[in-house]
Amino acid sequence: MSKLNPHTKHREFSGVYGALSITIFLPTLIYFFALITNQHYSIQGINIDINKIIAQLPSNTQALINLFFDAICWKYYLSWFFTLVVFDQIIPGTILNGVKLRDGTSLVYKINGLAMSGILISVLLSRLFTSEDYYLPELEFIYENQTKLTATTILFSFLLAVFVYITSFIPLRSKNGTGTNERILSINGNTGNIIYDWFIGRELNPRIGGWDIKLFCELRPGMLLWLLINLSALHHQYHNLGYITDSMILVNFMQAFYIFDGVLNEEGCLTMIDITTDGFGYMLSFGDLAWLPWSYSLQTRYMSIKGNEVNLGIFKSISILGLMFLGFYIFKSANREKSLFRNGKISNLKYIQSEKGNKLLVEGWWGLSQHINYFGDWLIGVSWCLPTGFQTPLTYFYVIYFASLLIHRQVRDEMKCKEKYGKTWDEYNKIVPWKIIPYIY
């Protein structure tokens, strides 16, 4: 081990056993989602018909191979992924520096989300208005091959994680900031255990030339595939029912708003823990490329099935939309307040100062809870689920999962802040006792 890349002592998720459990359980879960939200079988309430699920499972080795290695699905997915890679590289954008790394240098990033989004929207609109009866075979292909595409993204994310793990051992071709050829490894993924480091991510920022694999996967193929899956559900409902329900339009609009907000504000990702601290391994690869598009799209996929459609009416639609914008307001306003405070542009808010000179806000949004922005983000998720009504708990999976994710992040932050701020953190906890939801948690 070196000074640049210290040995990782703390292991998250209970170490290797937790990493293996997640690696097996979460892909199985999104495959299970595909089995209970399709044209052949749709879960109703909490009742699961095991026989109908078993009937969809591969019955022999050849069927299993066809599931994971469907040539057409792989051709389309690889075309999708690497076309986005090419666009990411050739489309002009704003050049920004990331945070300072342990070797004293900063990576250079090209921010071109606006142009990328404009191209995708233009292609979709041109296809829509030149098609007959608004029928797009590419959207229908996504809808009819959800199970195989789920398997394809799972396997691809696995292989990508293997690739970046292997390349993390290859020395850099040029010197880093310390004058060596060492790659900068994640402080969380340098245990020496193959399974754990592969899962959590060994290298901090794996790159091929100017292509930053981690930032790309964070915002491009998975996020935009989520948009296409939603549109495929809307497309299917229109051609199946002859009209589109207000609930389907609402979820598509709210989630598209969220997706494009993330893509258009990608510079904010440069200071997120995913980019600054976490390595890129199977956890992020699978999360970005498979988990996100197939678990976040459950609402539209479920409502696209005949018999599951929901008609909300104007009052419910406006109320749900209002909840989403309330969540956005809390999330954006709180983050903006913290950013202005850090940059010295707000001086009238109360704060406490640690012995090392670090300042902790105890007023404004950040006086309400330690992670008030998490609360706003969670409210956005609630708004996505409400349009589905209360037919089944399945469509509320996201808010339950997201709550557990946010609590996990909060606990991680708590551990780091205790170590960073010492006694000041204890004082801060007395002034701002609520973790995420004011007066509740």
Foldseek 3Di string as FASTA:
>chain_A
DDPLADAADDAPCPFLVRLVCCLPPLLVVLLVLVLQQAQQHHDWAPDDDVVSSVVPDQPDPVSVCCLQCVPVLLVVLVCQLVVLVVCLPPPAADWDWFDQGSLRGTAIHGQDLVVVVVVVVVVLVVQQVVDDPSDDVVLLVCRVSVSSNLSHLSVVLQVVLVVQLVCQPPFAPAADSNRGRHARFFSNQRNPDSSRNQRQAGGQFDDDVSRTVLLCLQQPQQLVLLLSNLVSLQSLLCVPVVDGAPLSVLLSVLSVVVNSVCSNVVVVVSPDCSRRHTHDHSNSSCVRRNVRSSLLNSLSSNCSHPPQPFHDDDVRSVVLVVLLVQLVCQLVVVVVVVVCVVVVNDDPFDWDAAPVGDTDTCDDSCVQAVPQNLVSVLSNLVSSQPSSPPRYCSSVVVSVVSVVVVVVVLVVVLVVCCVVRPPVVVVSCVRHVHHYHGPPD
